[in-house]
Structure formats: structure tokens, C-alpha cells
Amino acid sequence: MTALRKLGSSDLEVFPLALGGNVFGWTADETASFAVLDAYTAAGGNFLDTADSYSAWVDGNSGGESETIIGKWLASRGKRDDVVIATKVSQHPDYQGLTAANIKAAADASLRRLGTDRIDLYYTHFDKPEVPVEEIVGALDELVTAGKVRQIAASNISPERLSASLAFSDREGLARYVALQPHYNLVSRDTYEGALRDLAEREGLAAVPYYALASGFLTGKYRPGTTVDSARAAGAGKHLDTERGRRVLTALDEVAAAHEVPVATVALAWLAAQPTVAAPLASARTTDQLPDLLALADLELTDGELDALTEASA
């Protein structure tokens, strides 16, 4: 049984791979989503990540489709107490922003779609600098006090706003962010490393990086002369045009060969070994894509291998 990781200073314990729900209701229909959720939890996974806006960008969708699918799965499988559910607020078409009234209304809507009485980890999806941190944290604290939210977190926030939020929580004795969801991977390190990670480390916050596989580039399936059938192919393929992208692929290939594991597993293992990181976030639209992700839990890279990947990605 894979050991669970403590999420920062919270009482939440999570599997070392968070399963992204962004594909549910987008590239994975309800049946495919249920199959992925079944396989992930059967392997010991317990950390489900979604957002109220997933997947409003799809023609015919209105937002909340991912939460609705997860809610139906929870109801049909009876697994609510076995999983940690993370969702986010600020981007749903009907619940835009981070005013106190919107945060509370959006949380109630998420709870209805998820079919649960509590959200385990509630993120501000994108910070809204026009809203004072005091209003945001105050609203989140009310949700925690009401028992609707267990722990709070932030995604896509500046070090300055994060620091101000934590200081306000400490000063007023209110709920405090325990985790961050930054954009972070082997070909995008400056999106987290530096002031934001330093702050997280000082304050005891856990990181759950998104784009952990760089939209699929770090799976190794994007190679010169290849065509990949994916909704994210354009974003992932651009890394082939950079010297760093090619260096990283070469280093990943060498480490993967040494361990006889897939390239994606190595990329996730590097990320999981970085300071503050509790669990990389990755999604699978089919069960065939899951084993490479889940294998992260059993792969421990040597210091030399970690250093080689870090150097290649510099």
C-alpha cells in the first residue's frame, strides 16, 4: 500500500498523485470518467481535483460538468469518505470572481453538483487582485466555520497576495491556506521556483502542481516527425522547438531506460521529489493512460538522477 502524504499543515492525507478532473465531461464522457475514477481508486488513489468551471469551454457545456460526473460517481460507488475532493472557485460563467457573496454561492453550487456536504480542499482558482484579501479569506473562513469546507488553498496567486492573505489569517485567527496549485514541471520551472516556492516553504504550504506533464510533452510521445492526436497537441508540441525541451527528453529517456519505466513516470517522480511538492496533478481520459501516472508512487529516483534532470531542465 502506497504511503499517503500529509498536505502541508492540514489534517488531509493524500496519494502522491492527484487525479485531474478537467477531462471529465470534455475528452472523457461519463462512462470513461467512471472507469478512470474506478481504476485510480482501486490502485489506492484518493485525491480528486476539479473546478466549478470544468468544462465550460466546451461547446454545449455550461460549467460544472466535471463536478457533476464526480458527484454521480461518488453516489454510485459510496466512496465519499475514501477520497479527498478538491475544487475551485472564481471561473464558473455564473460565479465569476472572488467577492464574498460569490465565493459562498459558488461553494453551495459545487456542493450540490458533487452531492456532498463538504469540500475537503477549496481553492481560489485565479486570484482577483481587485478584491481585498480580507474579503476573500473572510468568506473562506465562514465556509470552514460552517463545515462546508475543511481546508483552503490558492492557485494562480502572486507571492505578494499570498503573503498578505497568510498574514491576515494569522492576525485574525482565521482559516489559513494550506496548499498551492502552481504551474510547475520540468520545462516550466520559473512559474513556481523563486519567491512563490520560497514563501510556501517558509509558511509550510504544500504544492500540487498542475501541467505536471506539460500538456503531454513530458510523456515522451511528442518527438520530431510525429503527429499526436490530442486536444493539447499544439501546446505540448512547442517544447520540441526549444533546446531545453530536447535536453529534458534526452535526460528523461536515459533515466526511464535505467528503471525500465515510462518517461511520464520519471517526469512525475522528479516533480514529486521537489521541495514543498505533496502530489503532482495529472489527468487521464482513458484507463490506458493511468498506469504510467500511478507508477510514480513506486519510483524513487537517485540523487544523481534528480540532479541530471534538474540540470537538463535549467
C-alpha atoms as a PDB file:
ATOM      1  CA  MET A   1       0.000   0.000   0.000  1.00  0.00           C
ATOM      2  CA  THR A   2       1.432   3.359  -1.057  1.00  0.00           C
ATOM      3  CA  ALA A   3       2.040   5.722   1.855  1.00  0.00           C
ATOM      4  CA  LEU A   4      -0.153   8.802   1.846  1.00  0.00           C
ATOM      5  CA  ARG A   5       1.424  12.247   2.150  1.00  0.00           C
ATOM      6  CA  LYS A   6       0.344  14.920   4.607  1.00  0.00           C
ATOM      7  CA  LEU A   7      -0.901  18.015   2.807  1.00  0.00           C
ATOM      8  CA  GLY A   8       1.067  20.843   4.369  1.00  0.00           C
ATOM      9  CA  SER A   9      -0.044  21.651   7.909  1.00  0.00           C
ATOM     10  CA  SER A  10      -3.544  20.263   7.320  1.00  0.00           C
ATOM     11  CA  ASP A  11      -5.133  17.037   8.529  1.00  0.00           C
ATOM     12  CA  LEU A  12      -5.568  15.853   4.939  1.00  0.00           C
ATOM     13  CA  GLU A  13      -3.537  12.853   3.776  1.00  0.00           C
ATOM     14  CA  VAL A  14      -3.289  12.312   0.043  1.00  0.00           C
ATOM     15  CA  PHE A  15      -1.991   9.839  -2.510  1.00  0.00           C
ATOM     16  CA  PRO A  16       1.224  11.101  -4.190  1.00  0.00           C
ATOM     17  CA  LEU A  17      -0.640  11.625  -7.480  1.00  0.00           C
ATOM     18  CA  ALA A  18      -3.679  13.894  -7.654  1.00  0.00           C
ATOM     19  CA  LEU A  19      -6.125  12.861 -10.373  1.00  0.00           C
ATOM     20  CA  GLY A  20      -7.173  15.791 -12.535  1.00  0.00           C
ATOM     21  CA  GLY A  21     -10.867  16.043 -13.340  1.00  0.00           C
ATOM     22  CA  ASN A  22     -10.514  18.634 -16.100  1.00  0.00           C
ATOM     23  CA  VAL A  23     -11.081  15.962 -18.756  1.00  0.00           C
ATOM     24  CA  PHE A  24     -14.346  14.694 -17.234  1.00  0.00           C
ATOM     25  CA  GLY A  25     -17.150  15.995 -19.434  1.00  0.00           C
ATOM     26  CA  TRP A  26     -14.619  17.161 -22.030  1.00  0.00           C
ATOM     27  CA  THR A  27     -12.442  14.462 -23.625  1.00  0.00           C
ATOM     28  CA  ALA A  28     -13.812  11.760 -21.302  1.00  0.00           C
ATOM     29  CA  ASP A  29     -17.564  11.161 -21.221  1.00  0.00           C
ATOM     30  CA  GLU A  30     -19.350   9.888 -18.126  1.00  0.00           C
ATOM     31  CA  THR A  31     -18.651   6.215 -18.817  1.00  0.00           C
ATOM     32  CA  ALA A  32     -14.951   6.798 -19.493  1.00  0.00           C
ATOM     33  CA  SER A  33     -14.695   9.080 -16.456  1.00  0.00           C
ATOM     34  CA  PHE A  34     -16.241   6.458 -14.175  1.00  0.00           C
ATOM     35  CA  ALA A  35     -13.759   3.869 -15.489  1.00  0.00           C
ATOM     36  CA  VAL A  36     -10.800   6.178 -14.776  1.00  0.00           C
ATOM     37  CA  LEU A  37     -12.090   7.010 -11.284  1.00  0.00           C
ATOM     38  CA  ASP A  38     -12.634   3.316 -10.542  1.00  0.00           C
ATOM     39  CA  ALA A  39      -9.133   2.380 -11.681  1.00  0.00           C
ATOM     40  CA  TYR A  40      -7.455   5.251  -9.826  1.00  0.00           C
ATOM     41  CA  THR A  41      -9.140   4.485  -6.510  1.00  0.00           C
ATOM     42  CA  ALA A  42      -8.630   0.727  -6.954  1.00  0.00           C
ATOM     43  CA  ALA A  43      -4.889   1.452  -7.126  1.00  0.00           C
ATOM     44  CA  GLY A  44      -5.025   3.327  -3.817  1.00  0.00           C
ATOM     45  CA  GLY A  45      -5.590   6.831  -5.186  1.00  0.00           C
ATOM     46  CA  ASN A  46      -7.691   9.166  -3.046  1.00  0.00           C
ATOM     47  CA  PHE A  47      -7.034  12.745  -4.263  1.00  0.00           C
ATOM     48  CA  LEU A  48      -9.548  14.068  -6.818  1.00  0.00           C
ATOM     49  CA  ASP A  49      -9.064  17.534  -8.284  1.00  0.00           C
ATOM     50  CA  THR A  50     -11.697  19.508 -10.173  1.00  0.00           C
ATOM     51  CA  ALA A  51     -13.096  23.043 -10.504  1.00  0.00           C
ATOM     52  CA  ASP A  52     -16.541  24.561 -10.832  1.00  0.00           C
ATOM     53  CA  SER A  53     -15.661  25.865 -14.297  1.00  0.00           C
ATOM     54  CA  TYR A  54     -14.680  22.481 -15.804  1.00  0.00           C
ATOM     55  CA  SER A  55     -15.546  22.250 -18.655  1.00  0.00           C
ATOM     56  CA  ALA A  56     -17.295  25.464 -19.619  1.00  0.00           C
ATOM     57  CA  TRP A  57     -15.001  25.926 -22.655  1.00  0.00           C
ATOM     58  CA  VAL A  58     -16.585  23.004 -24.493  1.00  0.00           C
ATOM     59  CA  ASP A  59     -19.404  23.803 -26.932  1.00  0.00           C
ATOM     60  CA  GLY A  60     -22.699  22.881 -25.312  1.00  0.00           C
ATOM     61  CA  ASN A  61     -21.285  22.851 -21.767  1.00  0.00           C
ATOM     62  CA  SER A  62     -22.100  25.457 -19.128  1.00  0.00           C
ATOM     63  CA  GLY A  63     -19.503  24.634 -16.451  1.00  0.00           C
ATOM     64  CA  GLY A  64     -19.729  22.177 -13.602  1.00  0.00           C
ATOM     65  CA  GLU A  65     -19.788  19.083 -15.803  1.00  0.00           C
ATOM     66  CA  SER A  66     -16.722  17.592 -14.102  1.00  0.00           C
ATOM     67  CA  GLU A  67     -18.135  18.107 -10.608  1.00  0.00           C
ATOM     68  CA  THR A  68     -21.443  16.580 -11.707  1.00  0.00           C
ATOM     69  CA  ILE A  69     -19.727  13.459 -13.055  1.00  0.00           C
ATOM     70  CA  ILE A  70     -17.660  13.079  -9.879  1.00  0.00           C
ATOM     71  CA  GLY A  71     -20.825  13.549  -7.815  1.00  0.00           C
ATOM     72  CA  LYS A  72     -22.637  10.812  -9.728  1.00  0.00           C
ATOM     73  CA  TRP A  73     -19.648   8.509  -9.347  1.00  0.00           C
ATOM     74  CA  LEU A  74     -19.468   9.162  -5.593  1.00  0.00           C
ATOM     75  CA  ALA A  75     -23.169   8.413  -5.219  1.00  0.00           C
ATOM     76  CA  SER A  76     -22.985   5.193  -7.235  1.00  0.00           C
ATOM     77  CA  ARG A  77     -19.825   3.883  -5.560  1.00  0.00           C
ATOM     78  CA  GLY A  78     -20.382   5.043  -1.973  1.00  0.00           C
ATOM     79  CA  LYS A  79     -16.790   6.254  -1.703  1.00  0.00           C
ATOM     80  CA  ARG A  80     -17.223   9.765  -0.321  1.00  0.00           C
ATOM     81  CA  ASP A  81     -15.318   9.068   2.891  1.00  0.00           C
ATOM     82  CA  ASP A  82     -12.496   7.365   0.981  1.00  0.00           C
ATOM     83  CA  VAL A  83     -11.480  10.349  -1.147  1.00  0.00           C
ATOM     84  CA  VAL A  84     -10.193  13.883  -0.725  1.00  0.00           C
ATOM     85  CA  ILE A  85     -12.111  16.201  -3.042  1.00  0.00           C
ATOM     86  CA  ALA A  86     -10.534  19.456  -4.172  1.00  0.00           C
ATOM     87  CA  THR A  87     -12.420  22.011  -6.242  1.00  0.00           C
ATOM     88  CA  LYS A  88     -12.029  25.676  -7.121  1.00  0.00           C
ATOM     89  CA  VAL A  89     -13.900  28.977  -7.306  1.00  0.00           C
ATOM     90  CA  SER A  90     -13.722  32.139  -9.480  1.00  0.00           C
ATOM     91  CA  GLN A  91     -14.061  30.966 -13.084  1.00  0.00           C
ATOM     92  CA  HIS A  92     -17.545  29.439 -13.468  1.00  0.00           C
ATOM     93  CA  PRO A  93     -19.538  31.520 -16.009  1.00  0.00           C
ATOM     94  CA  ASP A  94     -22.287  32.091 -13.441  1.00  0.00           C
ATOM     95  CA  TYR A  95     -19.952  32.582 -10.480  1.00  0.00           C
ATOM     96  CA  GLN A  96     -17.155  34.822 -11.678  1.00  0.00           C
ATOM     97  CA  GLY A  97     -14.731  36.377  -9.234  1.00  0.00           C
ATOM     98  CA  LEU A  98     -13.851  36.227  -5.568  1.00  0.00           C
ATOM     99  CA  THR A  99     -16.260  38.545  -3.807  1.00  0.00           C
ATOM    100  CA  ALA A 100     -17.534  37.126  -0.533  1.00  0.00           C
ATOM    101  CA  ALA A 101     -21.037  36.646  -1.906  1.00  0.00           C
ATOM    102  CA  ASN A 102     -19.760  34.850  -4.998  1.00  0.00           C
ATOM    103  CA  ILE A 103     -17.425  32.539  -3.059  1.00  0.00           C
ATOM    104  CA  LYS A 104     -20.258  31.392  -0.812  1.00  0.00           C
ATOM    105  CA  ALA A 105     -22.786  30.977  -3.635  1.00  0.00           C
ATOM    106  CA  ALA A 106     -20.272  29.100  -5.797  1.00  0.00           C
ATOM    107  CA  ALA A 107     -19.395  26.757  -2.928  1.00  0.00           C
ATOM    108  CA  ASP A 108     -23.062  25.881  -2.452  1.00  0.00           C
ATOM    109  CA  ALA A 109     -23.395  25.189  -6.187  1.00  0.00           C
ATOM    110  CA  SER A 110     -20.299  22.955  -6.121  1.00  0.00           C
ATOM    111  CA  LEU A 111     -21.636  21.045  -3.124  1.00  0.00           C
ATOM    112  CA  ARG A 112     -24.906  20.409  -4.969  1.00  0.00           C
ATOM    113  CA  ARG A 113     -23.144  19.132  -8.090  1.00  0.00           C
ATOM    114  CA  LEU A 114     -20.774  16.960  -6.071  1.00  0.00           C
ATOM    115  CA  GLY A 115     -23.654  15.623  -3.997  1.00  0.00           C
ATOM    116  CA  THR A 116     -21.739  16.089  -0.747  1.00  0.00           C
ATOM    117  CA  ASP A 117     -21.942  18.157   2.422  1.00  0.00           C
ATOM    118  CA  ARG A 118     -18.296  19.203   2.397  1.00  0.00           C
ATOM    119  CA  ILE A 119     -15.403  20.160   0.125  1.00  0.00           C
ATOM    120  CA  ASP A 120     -12.119  18.855   1.504  1.00  0.00           C
ATOM    121  CA  LEU A 121      -9.866  21.405  -0.195  1.00  0.00           C
ATOM    122  CA  TYR A 122     -11.261  24.611  -1.679  1.00  0.00           C
ATOM    123  CA  TYR A 123      -9.014  26.667  -3.960  1.00  0.00           C
ATOM    124  CA  THR A 124      -9.309  30.207  -5.196  1.00  0.00           C
ATOM    125  CA  HIS A 125      -8.802  29.274  -8.860  1.00  0.00           C
ATOM    126  CA  PHE A 126      -7.400  32.581 -10.123  1.00  0.00           C
ATOM    127  CA  ASP A 127      -6.693  35.397  -7.714  1.00  0.00           C
ATOM    128  CA  LYS A 128      -8.616  38.635  -8.286  1.00  0.00           C
ATOM    129  CA  PRO A 129      -6.358  41.484  -7.101  1.00  0.00           C
ATOM    130  CA  GLU A 130      -9.267  43.942  -7.178  1.00  0.00           C
ATOM    131  CA  VAL A 131     -10.829  42.077  -4.231  1.00  0.00           C
ATOM    132  CA  PRO A 132      -9.139  42.682  -0.852  1.00  0.00           C
ATOM    133  CA  VAL A 133      -7.544  39.573   0.639  1.00  0.00           C
ATOM    134  CA  GLU A 134      -9.504  40.317   3.811  1.00  0.00           C
ATOM    135  CA  GLU A 135     -12.785  39.775   1.953  1.00  0.00           C
ATOM    136  CA  ILE A 136     -11.599  36.569   0.285  1.00  0.00           C
ATOM    137  CA  VAL A 137     -10.133  34.982   3.410  1.00  0.00           C
ATOM    138  CA  GLY A 138     -13.112  36.113   5.487  1.00  0.00           C
ATOM    139  CA  ALA A 139     -15.554  34.377   3.139  1.00  0.00           C
ATOM    140  CA  LEU A 140     -13.469  31.216   3.033  1.00  0.00           C
ATOM    141  CA  ASP A 141     -13.275  31.202   6.826  1.00  0.00           C
ATOM    142  CA  GLU A 142     -17.082  31.384   7.019  1.00  0.00           C
ATOM    143  CA  LEU A 143     -17.299  28.274   4.834  1.00  0.00           C
ATOM    144  CA  VAL A 144     -14.843  26.447   7.091  1.00  0.00           C
ATOM    145  CA  THR A 145     -16.723  27.523  10.215  1.00  0.00           C
ATOM    146  CA  ALA A 146     -19.975  26.305   8.654  1.00  0.00           C
ATOM    147  CA  GLY A 147     -18.433  22.896   7.961  1.00  0.00           C
ATOM    148  CA  LYS A 148     -18.856  23.254   4.188  1.00  0.00           C
ATOM    149  CA  VAL A 149     -15.081  23.366   3.578  1.00  0.00           C
ATOM    150  CA  ARG A 150     -12.357  21.543   5.507  1.00  0.00           C
ATOM    151  CA  GLN A 151      -9.216  23.291   4.240  1.00  0.00           C
ATOM    152  CA  ILE A 152      -8.493  26.231   1.921  1.00  0.00           C
ATOM    153  CA  ALA A 153      -5.872  26.731  -0.764  1.00  0.00           C
ATOM    154  CA  ALA A 154      -4.858  29.061  -3.600  1.00  0.00           C
ATOM    155  CA  SER A 155      -3.987  28.580  -7.250  1.00  0.00           C
ATOM    156  CA  ASN A 156      -2.522  31.185  -9.589  1.00  0.00           C
ATOM    157  CA  ILE A 157      -1.643  33.776  -6.957  1.00  0.00           C
ATOM    158  CA  SER A 158       1.317  36.134  -6.605  1.00  0.00           C
ATOM    159  CA  PRO A 159       3.761  35.856  -3.703  1.00  0.00           C
ATOM    160  CA  GLU A 160       2.671  39.292  -2.518  1.00  0.00           C
ATOM    161  CA  ARG A 161      -1.017  38.447  -2.381  1.00  0.00           C
ATOM    162  CA  LEU A 162      -0.327  35.055  -0.829  1.00  0.00           C
ATOM    163  CA  SER A 163       1.835  36.627   1.866  1.00  0.00           C
ATOM    164  CA  ALA A 164      -0.838  39.224   2.630  1.00  0.00           C
ATOM    165  CA  SER A 165      -3.503  36.516   2.846  1.00  0.00           C
ATOM    166  CA  LEU A 166      -1.479  34.403   5.266  1.00  0.00           C
ATOM    167  CA  ALA A 167      -0.645  37.432   7.410  1.00  0.00           C
ATOM    168  CA  PHE A 168      -4.337  38.377   7.637  1.00  0.00           C
ATOM    169  CA  SER A 169      -5.313  34.813   8.597  1.00  0.00           C
ATOM    170  CA  ASP A 170      -2.670  34.753  11.316  1.00  0.00           C
ATOM    171  CA  ARG A 171      -3.569  38.192  12.636  1.00  0.00           C
ATOM    172  CA  GLU A 172      -7.291  37.489  12.834  1.00  0.00           C
ATOM    173  CA  GLY A 173      -7.138  33.795  13.731  1.00  0.00           C
ATOM    174  CA  LEU A 174      -8.985  32.766  10.569  1.00  0.00           C
ATOM    175  CA  ALA A 175      -8.699  29.774   8.243  1.00  0.00           C
ATOM    176  CA  ARG A 176      -5.301  29.712   6.559  1.00  0.00           C
ATOM    177  CA  TYR A 177      -4.201  28.478   3.154  1.00  0.00           C
ATOM    178  CA  VAL A 178      -2.532  25.065   3.468  1.00  0.00           C
ATOM    179  CA  ALA A 179      -1.719  24.405  -0.184  1.00  0.00           C
ATOM    180  CA  LEU A 180      -0.935  25.961  -3.548  1.00  0.00           C
ATOM    181  CA  GLN A 181      -1.612  24.776  -7.069  1.00  0.00           C
ATOM    182  CA  PRO A 182       1.102  26.329  -9.233  1.00  0.00           C
ATOM    183  CA  HIS A 183       2.011  25.731 -12.872  1.00  0.00           C
ATOM    184  CA  TYR A 184       5.199  23.696 -12.486  1.00  0.00           C
ATOM    185  CA  ASN A 185       7.048  20.977 -14.382  1.00  0.00           C
ATOM    186  CA  LEU A 186      10.435  20.115 -15.881  1.00  0.00           C
ATOM    187  CA  VAL A 187      10.031  22.579 -18.751  1.00  0.00           C
ATOM    188  CA  SER A 188       8.334  25.291 -16.699  1.00  0.00           C
ATOM    189  CA  ARG A 189      10.260  25.848 -13.507  1.00  0.00           C
ATOM    190  CA  ASP A 190      10.255  29.632 -13.166  1.00  0.00           C
ATOM    191  CA  THR A 191       6.453  29.554 -12.854  1.00  0.00           C
ATOM    192  CA  TYR A 192       6.956  28.303  -9.290  1.00  0.00           C
ATOM    193  CA  GLU A 193      10.601  28.252  -8.246  1.00  0.00           C
ATOM    194  CA  GLY A 194      11.747  31.501  -6.682  1.00  0.00           C
ATOM    195  CA  ALA A 195       9.711  33.819  -4.477  1.00  0.00           C
ATOM    196  CA  LEU A 196       6.500  31.752  -4.555  1.00  0.00           C
ATOM    197  CA  ARG A 197       8.149  28.458  -3.631  1.00  0.00           C
ATOM    198  CA  ASP A 198      10.342  30.147  -1.035  1.00  0.00           C
ATOM    199  CA  LEU A 199       7.223  31.566   0.604  1.00  0.00           C
ATOM    200  CA  ALA A 200       5.454  28.202   0.506  1.00  0.00           C
ATOM    201  CA  GLU A 201       8.464  26.553   2.114  1.00  0.00           C
ATOM    202  CA  ARG A 202       8.688  29.156   4.886  1.00  0.00           C
ATOM    203  CA  GLU A 203       4.974  29.007   5.612  1.00  0.00           C
ATOM    204  CA  GLY A 204       4.590  25.221   5.462  1.00  0.00           C
ATOM    205  CA  LEU A 205       2.328  25.137   2.399  1.00  0.00           C
ATOM    206  CA  ALA A 206       2.105  22.077   0.167  1.00  0.00           C
ATOM    207  CA  ALA A 207       2.219  22.329  -3.627  1.00  0.00           C
ATOM    208  CA  VAL A 208       0.009  20.355  -6.002  1.00  0.00           C
ATOM    209  CA  PRO A 209       1.455  21.367  -9.386  1.00  0.00           C
ATOM    210  CA  TYR A 210      -0.757  21.462 -12.464  1.00  0.00           C
ATOM    211  CA  TYR A 211       0.502  20.926 -16.032  1.00  0.00           C
ATOM    212  CA  ALA A 212       2.778  18.383 -14.341  1.00  0.00           C
ATOM    213  CA  LEU A 213       3.363  16.712 -17.720  1.00  0.00           C
ATOM    214  CA  ALA A 214       3.403  19.953 -19.740  1.00  0.00           C
ATOM    215  CA  SER A 215       0.147  19.144 -21.562  1.00  0.00           C
ATOM    216  CA  GLY A 216       1.558  15.740 -22.502  1.00  0.00           C
ATOM    217  CA  PHE A 217       5.022  16.753 -23.696  1.00  0.00           C
ATOM    218  CA  LEU A 218       6.672  15.044 -20.734  1.00  0.00           C
ATOM    219  CA  THR A 219       5.044  11.721 -21.592  1.00  0.00           C
ATOM    220  CA  GLY A 220       7.652  11.417 -24.336  1.00  0.00           C
ATOM    221  CA  LYS A 221       5.095  10.840 -27.087  1.00  0.00           C
ATOM    222  CA  TYR A 222       5.962  14.122 -28.805  1.00  0.00           C
ATOM    223  CA  ARG A 223       9.017  13.520 -30.974  1.00  0.00           C
ATOM    224  CA  PRO A 224      10.350  15.122 -34.164  1.00  0.00           C
ATOM    225  CA  GLY A 225       8.291  13.967 -37.131  1.00  0.00           C
ATOM    226  CA  THR A 226       5.443  12.542 -35.040  1.00  0.00           C
ATOM    227  CA  THR A 227       1.803  13.607 -35.011  1.00  0.00           C
ATOM    228  CA  VAL A 228      -0.203  13.214 -31.812  1.00  0.00           C
ATOM    229  CA  ASP A 229      -3.993  13.127 -31.779  1.00  0.00           C
ATOM    230  CA  SER A 230      -4.719  15.231 -28.709  1.00  0.00           C
ATOM    231  CA  ALA A 231      -6.697  18.347 -27.817  1.00  0.00           C
ATOM    232  CA  ARG A 232      -3.453  19.653 -26.307  1.00  0.00           C
ATOM    233  CA  ALA A 233      -1.061  18.766 -29.122  1.00  0.00           C
ATOM    234  CA  ALA A 234      -0.320  22.356 -30.135  1.00  0.00           C
ATOM    235  CA  GLY A 235       0.676  23.391 -26.621  1.00  0.00           C
ATOM    236  CA  ALA A 236       2.742  20.309 -25.927  1.00  0.00           C
ATOM    237  CA  GLY A 237       4.497  20.172 -29.282  1.00  0.00           C
ATOM    238  CA  LYS A 238       6.007  23.638 -28.950  1.00  0.00           C
ATOM    239  CA  HIS A 239       8.547  22.329 -26.418  1.00  0.00           C
ATOM    240  CA  LEU A 240      10.186  20.301 -29.201  1.00  0.00           C
ATOM    241  CA  ASP A 241      11.302  23.581 -30.729  1.00  0.00           C
ATOM    242  CA  THR A 242      13.367  24.543 -27.687  1.00  0.00           C
ATOM    243  CA  GLU A 243      16.822  23.352 -26.756  1.00  0.00           C
ATOM    244  CA  ARG A 244      15.693  22.811 -23.178  1.00  0.00           C
ATOM    245  CA  GLY A 245      12.768  20.672 -24.281  1.00  0.00           C
ATOM    246  CA  ARG A 246      15.050  18.417 -26.281  1.00  0.00           C
ATOM    247  CA  ARG A 247      17.606  18.218 -23.424  1.00  0.00           C
ATOM    248  CA  VAL A 248      14.877  17.239 -20.976  1.00  0.00           C
ATOM    249  CA  LEU A 249      13.586  14.496 -23.279  1.00  0.00           C
ATOM    250  CA  THR A 250      17.079  13.043 -23.613  1.00  0.00           C
ATOM    251  CA  ALA A 251      17.600  13.041 -19.841  1.00  0.00           C
ATOM    252  CA  LEU A 252      14.173  11.520 -19.250  1.00  0.00           C
ATOM    253  CA  ASP A 253      14.871   8.775 -21.787  1.00  0.00           C
ATOM    254  CA  GLU A 254      18.114   7.837 -20.006  1.00  0.00           C
ATOM    255  CA  VAL A 255      16.545   7.652 -16.545  1.00  0.00           C
ATOM    256  CA  ALA A 256      13.455   5.847 -17.824  1.00  0.00           C
ATOM    257  CA  ALA A 257      15.629   3.231 -19.522  1.00  0.00           C
ATOM    258  CA  ALA A 258      17.650   2.696 -16.332  1.00  0.00           C
ATOM    259  CA  HIS A 259      14.493   1.973 -14.331  1.00  0.00           C
ATOM    260  CA  GLU A 260      12.561   0.329 -17.183  1.00  0.00           C
ATOM    261  CA  VAL A 261       9.632   2.679 -16.623  1.00  0.00           C
ATOM    262  CA  PRO A 262       7.791   5.134 -18.894  1.00  0.00           C
ATOM    263  CA  VAL A 263       9.097   8.659 -19.443  1.00  0.00           C
ATOM    264  CA  ALA A 264       5.962  10.163 -17.862  1.00  0.00           C
ATOM    265  CA  THR A 265       6.607   8.288 -14.630  1.00  0.00           C
ATOM    266  CA  VAL A 266      10.096   9.764 -14.377  1.00  0.00           C
ATOM    267  CA  ALA A 267       8.862  13.310 -15.053  1.00  0.00           C
ATOM    268  CA  LEU A 268       6.286  12.980 -12.281  1.00  0.00           C
ATOM    269  CA  ALA A 269       8.805  11.413  -9.897  1.00  0.00           C
ATOM    270  CA  TRP A 270      11.169  14.363 -10.389  1.00  0.00           C
ATOM    271  CA  LEU A 271       8.328  16.746  -9.594  1.00  0.00           C
ATOM    272  CA  ALA A 272       7.200  14.768  -6.549  1.00  0.00           C
ATOM    273  CA  ALA A 273      10.746  14.961  -5.159  1.00  0.00           C
ATOM    274  CA  GLN A 274      10.936  18.759  -5.318  1.00  0.00           C
ATOM    275  CA  PRO A 275      10.698  20.890  -2.147  1.00  0.00           C
ATOM    276  CA  THR A 276       7.104  21.568  -0.976  1.00  0.00           C
ATOM    277  CA  VAL A 277       5.503  19.254  -3.585  1.00  0.00           C
ATOM    278  CA  ALA A 278       2.974  16.877  -1.996  1.00  0.00           C
ATOM    279  CA  ALA A 279       1.395  15.440  -5.133  1.00  0.00           C
ATOM    280  CA  PRO A 280       1.730  16.309  -8.809  1.00  0.00           C
ATOM    281  CA  LEU A 281      -1.570  16.678 -10.633  1.00  0.00           C
ATOM    282  CA  ALA A 282      -2.239  14.743 -13.839  1.00  0.00           C
ATOM    283  CA  SER A 283      -5.327  13.655 -15.717  1.00  0.00           C
ATOM    284  CA  ALA A 284      -6.213  10.584 -17.753  1.00  0.00           C
ATOM    285  CA  ARG A 285      -9.047  10.390 -20.264  1.00  0.00           C
ATOM    286  CA  THR A 286      -8.754   6.593 -20.556  1.00  0.00           C
ATOM    287  CA  THR A 287      -7.721   3.835 -18.168  1.00  0.00           C
ATOM    288  CA  ASP A 288      -4.859   3.003 -20.537  1.00  0.00           C
ATOM    289  CA  GLN A 289      -3.205   6.298 -19.585  1.00  0.00           C
ATOM    290  CA  LEU A 290      -3.360   5.657 -15.840  1.00  0.00           C
ATOM    291  CA  PRO A 291      -0.618   3.057 -15.183  1.00  0.00           C
ATOM    292  CA  ASP A 292       2.206   5.392 -16.262  1.00  0.00           C
ATOM    293  CA  LEU A 293       0.885   8.030 -13.833  1.00  0.00           C
ATOM    294  CA  LEU A 294       0.245   5.682 -10.919  1.00  0.00           C
ATOM    295  CA  ALA A 295       3.727   4.180 -11.224  1.00  0.00           C
ATOM    296  CA  LEU A 296       5.042   7.418  -9.726  1.00  0.00           C
ATOM    297  CA  ALA A 297       4.138   6.050  -6.296  1.00  0.00           C
ATOM    298  CA  ASP A 298       6.667   3.207  -6.622  1.00  0.00           C
ATOM    299  CA  LEU A 299       9.558   5.030  -8.309  1.00  0.00           C
ATOM    300  CA  GLU A 300      12.334   6.582  -6.264  1.00  0.00           C
ATOM    301  CA  LEU A 301      14.996   8.401  -8.256  1.00  0.00           C
ATOM    302  CA  THR A 302      18.600   8.596  -7.076  1.00  0.00           C
ATOM    303  CA  ASP A 303      20.146  11.931  -6.162  1.00  0.00           C
ATOM    304  CA  GLY A 304      22.260  11.679  -9.302  1.00  0.00           C
ATOM    305  CA  GLU A 305      19.206  11.140 -11.496  1.00  0.00           C
ATOM    306  CA  LEU A 306      17.361  14.038  -9.894  1.00  0.00           C
ATOM    307  CA  ASP A 307      20.412  16.272 -10.413  1.00  0.00           C
ATOM    308  CA  ALA A 308      20.737  15.227 -14.062  1.00  0.00           C
ATOM    309  CA  LEU A 309      17.090  16.084 -14.763  1.00  0.00           C
ATOM    310  CA  THR A 310      17.385  19.370 -12.891  1.00  0.00           C
ATOM    311  CA  GLU A 311      20.477  20.308 -14.889  1.00  0.00           C
ATOM    312  CA  ALA A 312      18.871  19.349 -18.211  1.00  0.00           C
ATOM    313  CA  SER A 313      15.836  21.496 -17.430  1.00  0.00           C
ATOM    314  CA  ALA A 314      17.821  24.579 -16.393  1.00  0.00           C
END
